[in-house]
């Protein structure tokens, strides 16, 4: 039964991908809707393959961020972080505040406000990495700025998640501080090794046999991602830094070898998100989730526009960057899961599910159409006649000096 379910899911994903490609769209929304159809409460619930798909989803996120890291060097990452850290601060203020305000307005209390702030703050690295690749924008000038914002968000999770966990558990300041120090030390250690010993690691991993190169790179990425997760650091950050540490022919070879695996497990990740969502939970919280989604669509677009304008990117790239940052996903669900497990008494899980589902579907659409829509609006505004246009000279008002 397991093989039959897996075969049916993968076949369906292939057909949906072909359908999306025929119309020039990202297949992510179709993958998510397929997950809803086959998940709990869906049209045809699956059970035998659920555990495998859950593991495959984690591997999908790791591979998406690993291959994204292979596109850049450690020096480029550090330069980007130094240059664009103000964008991270703007991102936090514009996108965390709406979530915190919504929780307080709904009467959920300060702890729930901290949790919902994280849900609305952090974009989905996995979804955005997939969208950028689908749209052929990896080499665009605005892409390094987008990636820097995502890395700043993911690294910030090394601070945020221990604080949230401590608040939810009600532990003392000392225990929470120790957890926070351990998380920061782990993230800093991986980044230091990537910067200082990246060439040594590349030489050690390098091999003429594609099979051995694939196994070593994949094994190293999964190992570092797992250790990072154990130390309260994002597994995505760990995988991204592994990709950053590799360079030259090793990075190029690994990128080619990992591409098919990345595409397969990335699709599984998006299906799993849909599988883990019960459609019956969505209607009661759909209105507040939709309002919050509309607000943060605007704030994310403003974030991307501001960051790329500061970097000297042209207007078209600014709008593309803003639209690309809209999607939310894995981190938002993780944060909601922590809040639900701690029993906050607020329906954060249902709200987060509806909110993320809206934005993870709207994200690819926004990434594709924000720039064309902005360009058309700008053209209409520039073509609009001035208030005095077309009036006879004698009828035009004169200014009194």
Protein backbone atom coordinates (compact mmCIF):
# COMPACT_ATOMS: atom_id res chain seq x y z
CA UNK A 1 0.00 0.00 0.00
CA UNK A 2 2.89 2.36 0.80
CA UNK A 3 4.38 2.03 -2.69
CA UNK A 4 0.99 2.50 -4.33
CA UNK A 5 0.30 5.68 -2.36
CA UNK A 6 3.75 7.09 -3.03
CA UNK A 7 3.50 6.24 -6.71
CA UNK A 8 0.12 7.93 -6.98
CA UNK A 9 1.33 11.05 -5.18
CA UNK A 10 4.49 11.42 -7.28
CA UNK A 11 2.56 10.80 -10.51
CA UNK A 12 -0.02 13.41 -9.52
CA UNK A 13 2.75 15.89 -8.73
CA UNK A 14 4.30 15.31 -12.13
CA UNK A 15 1.01 15.93 -13.91
CA UNK A 16 0.29 19.05 -11.84
CA UNK A 17 3.78 20.37 -12.56
CA UNK A 18 3.22 19.89 -16.29
CA UNK A 19 -0.14 21.66 -16.05
CA UNK A 20 1.39 24.65 -14.24
CA UNK A 21 4.28 24.78 -16.69
CA UNK A 22 1.92 24.88 -19.65
CA UNK A 23 0.49 28.17 -18.36
CA UNK A 24 3.82 29.55 -17.16
CA UNK A 25 2.89 29.38 -13.46
CA UNK A 26 4.65 28.05 -10.36
CA UNK A 27 3.35 24.59 -9.39
CA UNK A 28 3.48 25.31 -5.63
CA UNK A 29 -0.21 26.29 -5.18
CA UNK A 30 -1.30 23.14 -7.01
CA UNK A 31 0.99 21.00 -4.81
CA UNK A 32 -0.58 22.53 -1.71
CA UNK A 33 -4.13 22.01 -2.93
CA UNK A 34 -3.25 18.40 -3.73
CA UNK A 35 -2.03 18.00 -0.15
CA UNK A 36 -5.32 19.37 1.15
CA UNK A 37 -7.25 16.94 -1.03
CA UNK A 38 -5.27 13.92 0.23
CA UNK A 39 -4.84 15.02 3.89
CA UNK A 40 -6.95 14.59 7.01
CA UNK A 41 -10.49 15.71 6.27
CA UNK A 42 -9.78 15.81 2.54
CA UNK A 43 -11.43 13.99 -0.33
CA UNK A 44 -9.13 10.95 -0.24
CA UNK A 45 -7.11 10.74 3.02
CA UNK A 46 -3.81 8.89 2.91
CA UNK A 47 -2.29 7.09 5.88
CA UNK A 48 0.37 4.59 4.84
CA UNK A 49 2.75 7.17 3.34
CA UNK A 50 2.29 9.98 5.89
CA UNK A 51 5.45 9.29 7.91
CA UNK A 52 7.60 8.96 4.79
CA UNK A 53 6.22 12.22 3.38
CA UNK A 54 6.90 13.98 6.70
CA UNK A 55 10.56 12.95 6.56
CA UNK A 56 10.74 13.78 2.86
CA UNK A 57 9.39 17.28 3.58
CA UNK A 58 12.26 17.98 6.00
CA UNK A 59 14.76 16.73 3.41
CA UNK A 60 13.10 18.99 0.82
CA UNK A 61 13.72 22.14 2.88
CA UNK A 62 17.34 21.09 3.49
CA UNK A 63 17.96 20.50 -0.23
CA UNK A 64 16.31 23.77 -1.28
CA UNK A 65 18.54 25.81 1.03
CA UNK A 66 21.65 23.70 0.34
CA UNK A 67 21.44 24.26 -3.42
CA UNK A 68 20.67 27.93 -2.82
CA UNK A 69 23.82 28.22 -0.70
CA UNK A 70 25.86 26.62 -3.48
CA UNK A 71 25.10 29.67 -5.63
CA UNK A 72 27.04 32.01 -3.34
CA UNK A 73 30.36 32.17 -1.48
CA UNK A 74 30.97 32.84 2.21
CA UNK A 75 32.53 36.22 1.38
CA UNK A 76 29.39 37.26 -0.52
CA UNK A 77 27.23 36.21 2.43
CA UNK A 78 29.23 38.22 4.97
CA UNK A 79 29.28 41.27 2.68
CA UNK A 80 25.53 41.01 2.24
CA UNK A 81 24.90 40.73 5.99
CA UNK A 82 27.09 43.74 6.72
CA UNK A 83 25.47 45.80 3.99
CA UNK A 84 21.82 44.89 4.45
CA UNK A 85 21.38 44.40 8.20
CA UNK A 86 19.19 47.58 8.38
CA UNK A 87 16.79 45.78 6.04
CA UNK A 88 16.49 43.04 8.65
CA UNK A 89 15.47 45.60 11.26
CA UNK A 90 12.88 47.14 8.91
CA UNK A 91 11.61 43.65 8.08
CA UNK A 92 11.12 42.89 11.78
CA UNK A 93 9.29 46.11 12.59
CA UNK A 94 6.99 46.09 9.57
CA UNK A 95 6.03 42.41 9.74
CA UNK A 96 6.24 41.31 13.39
CA UNK A 97 4.22 44.24 14.75
CA UNK A 98 0.99 43.37 12.82
CA UNK A 99 1.00 39.85 14.27
CA UNK A 100 1.59 41.03 17.83
CA UNK A 101 -1.08 43.72 17.47
CA UNK A 102 -3.60 41.21 16.10
CA UNK A 103 -3.09 38.84 19.05
CA UNK A 104 -3.53 41.66 21.56
CA UNK A 105 -6.65 42.98 19.79
CA UNK A 106 -8.12 39.46 19.85
CA UNK A 107 -7.43 39.29 23.59
CA UNK A 108 -4.97 36.39 23.44
CA UNK A 109 -2.38 37.86 25.79
CA UNK A 110 1.30 38.83 25.53
CA UNK A 111 2.75 35.31 25.09
CA UNK A 112 0.43 34.60 22.18
CA UNK A 113 1.37 38.04 20.81
CA UNK A 114 5.05 37.03 20.76
CA UNK A 115 4.14 33.79 18.96
CA UNK A 116 1.91 35.44 16.34
CA UNK A 117 4.55 38.12 15.77
CA UNK A 118 6.98 35.40 14.71
CA UNK A 119 4.38 33.78 12.46
CA UNK A 120 3.82 37.01 10.51
CA UNK A 121 7.48 38.06 10.55
CA UNK A 122 9.36 35.19 8.90
CA UNK A 123 9.00 34.45 5.19
CA UNK A 124 9.39 30.92 3.85
CA UNK A 125 12.94 30.28 2.66
CA UNK A 126 11.85 27.01 1.06
CA UNK A 127 8.94 28.46 -0.92
CA UNK A 128 10.89 31.55 -2.01
CA UNK A 129 13.91 29.50 -3.09
CA UNK A 130 11.62 27.36 -5.24
CA UNK A 131 9.82 30.39 -6.71
CA UNK A 132 13.05 32.19 -7.61
CA UNK A 133 14.30 29.10 -9.38
CA UNK A 134 10.99 28.50 -11.18
CA UNK A 135 10.96 32.10 -12.43
CA UNK A 136 14.62 32.03 -13.48
CA UNK A 137 15.62 34.87 -11.14
CA UNK A 138 18.57 33.31 -9.31
CA UNK A 139 21.00 35.51 -11.26
CA UNK A 140 18.99 38.73 -10.91
CA UNK A 141 20.52 41.75 -9.17
CA UNK A 142 17.81 41.84 -6.50
CA UNK A 143 18.19 38.16 -5.56
CA UNK A 144 21.21 38.61 -3.20
CA UNK A 145 19.21 41.22 -1.27
CA UNK A 146 16.26 38.82 -0.98
CA UNK A 147 18.54 36.02 0.21
CA UNK A 148 20.21 38.29 2.75
CA UNK A 149 16.83 39.18 4.26
CA UNK A 150 15.90 35.48 4.40
CA UNK A 151 19.21 34.56 6.04
CA UNK A 152 18.80 37.40 8.57
CA UNK A 153 15.32 36.08 9.40
CA UNK A 154 16.55 32.50 9.74
CA UNK A 155 19.52 33.52 11.88
CA UNK A 156 17.17 35.61 14.02
CA UNK A 157 15.26 32.42 14.74
CA UNK A 158 18.31 31.29 16.72
CA UNK A 159 17.41 34.10 19.15
CA UNK A 160 13.64 34.11 18.79
CA UNK A 161 12.83 30.39 19.16
CA UNK A 162 14.66 29.91 22.50
CA UNK A 163 12.96 33.05 23.86
CA UNK A 164 9.53 31.88 22.70
CA UNK A 165 10.12 28.37 24.08
CA UNK A 166 11.10 29.84 27.45
CA UNK A 167 8.00 32.08 27.52
CA UNK A 168 5.68 29.23 26.58
CA UNK A 169 7.22 26.91 29.18
CA UNK A 170 7.37 29.60 31.83
CA UNK A 171 10.99 28.73 32.68
CA UNK A 172 13.32 31.03 34.55
CA UNK A 173 15.64 33.62 33.09
CA UNK A 174 18.75 31.49 33.70
CA UNK A 175 17.48 28.46 31.77
CA UNK A 176 16.26 30.60 28.90
CA UNK A 177 19.57 32.43 28.72
CA UNK A 178 21.54 29.18 28.52
CA UNK A 179 19.37 27.95 25.65
CA UNK A 180 19.83 31.25 23.84
CA UNK A 181 23.63 31.22 24.28
CA UNK A 182 23.84 27.64 22.99
CA UNK A 183 21.78 28.50 19.90
CA UNK A 184 23.87 31.58 19.10
CA UNK A 185 27.12 29.69 19.61
CA UNK A 186 25.97 26.92 17.23
CA UNK A 187 25.00 29.37 14.47
CA UNK A 188 28.22 31.35 14.91
CA UNK A 189 30.34 28.19 14.91
CA UNK A 190 28.91 26.90 11.64
CA UNK A 191 29.36 30.31 10.01
CA UNK A 192 32.96 30.58 11.25
CA UNK A 193 33.86 27.14 9.88
CA UNK A 194 32.24 28.01 6.54
CA UNK A 195 34.26 31.22 6.30
CA UNK A 196 37.61 30.01 7.64
CA UNK A 197 37.79 26.45 6.33
CA UNK A 198 35.52 26.50 3.28
CA UNK A 199 38.35 25.77 0.83
CA UNK A 200 39.67 22.93 2.98
CA UNK A 201 36.21 21.39 3.14
CA UNK A 202 35.80 21.72 -0.63
CA UNK A 203 39.13 19.98 -1.28
CA UNK A 204 38.24 17.19 1.15
CA UNK A 205 34.83 16.59 -0.45
CA UNK A 206 36.01 16.92 -4.06
CA UNK A 207 35.93 13.64 -6.02
CA UNK A 208 35.83 12.62 -9.67
CA UNK A 209 33.15 9.98 -9.04
CA UNK A 210 29.69 11.68 -9.10
CA UNK A 211 28.20 8.98 -6.85
CA UNK A 212 30.73 9.56 -4.05
CA UNK A 213 30.46 13.34 -4.36
CA UNK A 214 26.67 13.18 -4.12
CA UNK A 215 26.71 10.92 -1.06
CA UNK A 216 29.28 13.00 0.84
CA UNK A 217 27.63 16.38 0.12
CA UNK A 218 24.12 15.13 0.89
CA UNK A 219 25.26 13.33 4.03
CA UNK A 220 27.17 16.37 5.30
CA UNK A 221 24.22 18.69 4.67
CA UNK A 222 21.75 16.42 6.48
CA UNK A 223 24.18 15.93 9.38
CA UNK A 224 24.82 19.65 9.89
CA UNK A 225 21.11 20.48 9.46
CA UNK A 226 20.17 17.88 12.07
CA UNK A 227 22.80 19.08 14.56
CA UNK A 228 21.73 22.70 14.01
CA UNK A 229 18.11 21.77 14.67
CA UNK A 230 19.12 19.95 17.84
CA UNK A 231 20.82 23.11 19.09
CA UNK A 232 17.70 25.23 18.45
CA UNK A 233 19.09 26.65 15.19
CA UNK A 234 17.15 26.35 11.95
CA UNK A 235 18.00 23.25 9.93
CA UNK A 236 17.56 25.47 6.86
CA UNK A 237 20.32 27.79 8.12
CA UNK A 238 22.64 24.82 8.68
CA UNK A 239 22.06 23.50 5.16
CA UNK A 240 22.48 26.97 3.64
CA UNK A 241 25.83 27.44 5.39
CA UNK A 242 27.03 24.04 4.15
CA UNK A 243 26.29 25.21 0.61
CA UNK A 244 28.11 28.48 1.30
CA UNK A 245 31.18 26.57 2.54
CA UNK A 246 31.55 24.69 -0.76
CA UNK A 247 33.02 26.47 -3.75
CA UNK A 248 34.53 26.00 -7.21
CA UNK A 249 34.10 22.76 -9.12
CA UNK A 250 32.74 20.99 -6.04
CA UNK A 251 29.85 23.44 -5.75
CA UNK A 252 29.11 23.24 -9.47
CA UNK A 253 29.18 19.45 -9.52
CA UNK A 254 27.06 19.14 -6.39
CA UNK A 255 24.50 21.58 -7.79
CA UNK A 256 24.05 19.49 -10.94
CA UNK A 257 23.82 16.20 -9.01
CA UNK A 258 21.41 17.48 -6.37
CA UNK A 259 18.97 19.23 -8.72
CA UNK A 260 16.71 16.22 -9.42
CA UNK A 261 16.60 15.25 -5.73
CA UNK A 262 15.87 18.84 -4.77
CA UNK A 263 12.93 19.09 -7.17
CA UNK A 264 11.43 15.80 -5.96
CA UNK A 265 11.68 16.46 -2.23
CA UNK A 266 10.72 20.12 -2.58
CA UNK A 267 7.45 19.01 -4.15
CA UNK A 268 6.98 16.55 -1.27
CA UNK A 269 7.50 19.40 1.21
CA UNK A 270 4.65 21.43 -0.23
CA UNK A 271 2.37 18.39 -0.39
CA UNK A 272 3.13 17.60 3.25
CA UNK A 273 2.08 21.08 4.29
CA UNK A 274 -1.27 20.49 2.67
CA UNK A 275 -1.55 16.97 4.15
CA UNK A 276 -1.04 18.30 7.68
CA UNK A 277 -3.88 20.81 7.30
CA UNK A 278 -7.47 19.89 8.11
CA UNK A 279 -9.73 21.89 5.77
CA UNK A 280 -12.44 21.98 8.46
CA UNK A 281 -10.25 24.17 10.70
CA UNK A 282 -9.94 26.95 8.18
CA UNK A 283 -13.45 28.57 7.83
CA UNK A 284 -13.84 29.82 11.47
CA UNK A 285 -10.57 31.80 11.35
CA UNK A 286 -10.57 32.67 7.67
CA UNK A 287 -11.62 36.32 8.07
CA UNK A 288 -8.95 37.40 10.61
CA UNK A 289 -6.35 35.32 8.77
CA UNK A 290 -7.26 36.99 5.46
CA UNK A 291 -7.07 40.50 6.98
CA UNK A 292 -3.68 39.71 8.53
CA UNK A 293 -2.50 38.23 5.23
CA UNK A 294 -3.50 41.37 3.28
CA UNK A 295 -1.67 43.60 5.78
CA UNK A 296 1.52 41.57 5.66
CA UNK A 297 1.46 41.25 1.87
CA UNK A 298 1.71 45.04 1.81
CA UNK A 299 4.39 45.19 4.52
CA UNK A 300 6.52 42.50 2.87
CA UNK A 301 6.36 44.27 -0.48
CA UNK A 302 7.38 47.51 1.25
CA UNK A 303 10.25 45.66 2.96
CA UNK A 304 11.61 44.27 -0.29
CA UNK A 305 11.16 47.57 -2.13
CA UNK A 306 12.94 49.54 0.61
CA UNK A 307 15.84 47.08 0.92
CA UNK A 308 16.53 46.92 -2.81
CA UNK A 309 16.13 50.68 -3.25
CA UNK A 310 18.76 51.13 -0.56
CA UNK A 311 21.00 48.73 -2.51
CA UNK A 312 20.65 50.80 -5.69
CA UNK A 313 18.44 48.32 -7.57
CA UNK A 314 16.19 49.67 -10.33
CA UNK A 315 12.43 50.01 -9.79
CA UNK A 316 11.53 46.76 -11.56
CA UNK A 317 13.89 44.79 -9.31
CA UNK A 318 12.47 46.51 -6.22
CA UNK A 319 8.94 45.37 -7.02
CA UNK A 320 10.14 41.85 -7.86
CA UNK A 321 11.93 41.63 -4.51
CA UNK A 322 8.87 42.81 -2.61
CA UNK A 323 6.61 40.28 -4.29
CA UNK A 324 9.10 37.47 -3.73
CA UNK A 325 9.10 37.96 0.07
CA UNK A 326 5.35 37.47 0.49
CA UNK A 327 5.26 33.69 0.97
CA UNK A 328 5.23 32.24 4.52
CA UNK A 329 5.64 28.59 5.36
CA UNK A 330 7.74 26.23 7.45
CA UNK A 331 8.83 28.56 10.26
CA UNK A 332 5.33 29.91 10.78
CA UNK A 333 4.00 26.39 11.17
CA UNK A 334 6.82 25.45 13.58
CA UNK A 335 6.08 28.51 15.75
CA UNK A 336 2.35 27.77 15.75
CA UNK A 337 3.09 24.15 16.68
CA UNK A 338 5.10 25.27 19.71
CA UNK A 339 2.29 27.54 20.84
CA UNK A 340 -0.37 24.84 20.40
CA UNK A 341 1.74 22.23 22.24
CA UNK A 342 2.21 24.63 25.15
CA UNK A 343 -1.56 25.13 25.46
CA UNK A 344 -1.79 28.91 25.18
CA UNK A 345 -5.59 28.72 25.07
CA UNK A 346 -5.70 30.74 21.87
CA UNK A 347 -6.59 29.23 18.45
CA UNK A 348 -3.15 30.11 17.07
CA UNK A 349 -2.80 26.80 15.22
CA UNK A 350 -5.94 27.24 13.15
CA UNK A 351 -5.23 30.91 12.46
CA UNK A 352 -1.63 30.18 11.46
CA UNK A 353 -2.73 27.37 9.16
CA UNK A 354 -5.24 29.59 7.34
CA UNK A 355 -2.79 32.52 7.23
CA UNK A 356 0.11 30.48 5.88
CA UNK A 357 -2.09 28.67 3.39
CA UNK A 358 -3.28 32.00 1.99
CA UNK A 359 0.24 33.41 1.70
CA UNK A 360 1.92 30.27 0.46
CA UNK A 361 -0.57 30.26 -2.42
CA UNK A 362 -0.45 34.05 -2.89
CA UNK A 363 3.36 34.12 -2.64
CA UNK A 364 4.20 32.66 -6.06
CA UNK A 365 1.47 34.80 -7.63
CA UNK A 366 2.81 37.96 -5.96
CA UNK A 367 6.37 37.09 -6.98
CA UNK A 368 5.33 36.82 -10.60
CA UNK A 369 2.86 39.69 -10.95
CA UNK A 370 3.81 42.44 -8.45
CA UNK A 371 6.32 44.01 -10.84
CA UNK A 372 4.12 43.91 -14.00
CA UNK A 373 1.13 45.33 -12.09
CA UNK A 374 3.24 48.12 -10.57
CA UNK A 375 4.67 48.93 -14.00
CA UNK A 376 1.21 49.18 -15.59
CA UNK A 377 -0.06 51.41 -12.79
CA UNK A 378 2.97 53.66 -13.18
CA UNK A 379 2.30 53.96 -16.92
CA UNK A 380 -1.33 54.90 -16.34
CA UNK A 381 -0.35 57.55 -13.82
CA UNK A 382 2.22 59.07 -16.17
CA UNK A 383 -0.28 59.11 -19.05
CA UNK A 384 -3.02 60.75 -16.99
CA UNK A 385 -3.54 64.35 -18.24
CA UNK A 386 -2.79 67.23 -15.94
CA UNK A 387 -5.82 68.98 -14.37
CA UNK A 388 -5.47 71.99 -16.76
CA UNK A 389 -4.83 69.92 -19.87
CA UNK A 390 -7.32 70.53 -22.65
CA UNK A 391 -8.72 73.75 -21.19
CA UNK A 392 -8.56 76.97 -23.26
CA UNK A 393 -5.78 79.29 -22.30
CA UNK A 394 -8.22 81.96 -21.18
CA UNK A 395 -10.02 79.56 -18.83
CA UNK A 396 -6.86 78.41 -17.03
CA UNK A 397 -6.55 79.96 -13.57
CA UNK A 398 -3.91 82.59 -13.11
CA UNK A 399 -1.67 82.72 -10.11
CA UNK A 400 -1.81 85.87 -8.02
CA UNK A 401 1.69 86.94 -7.14
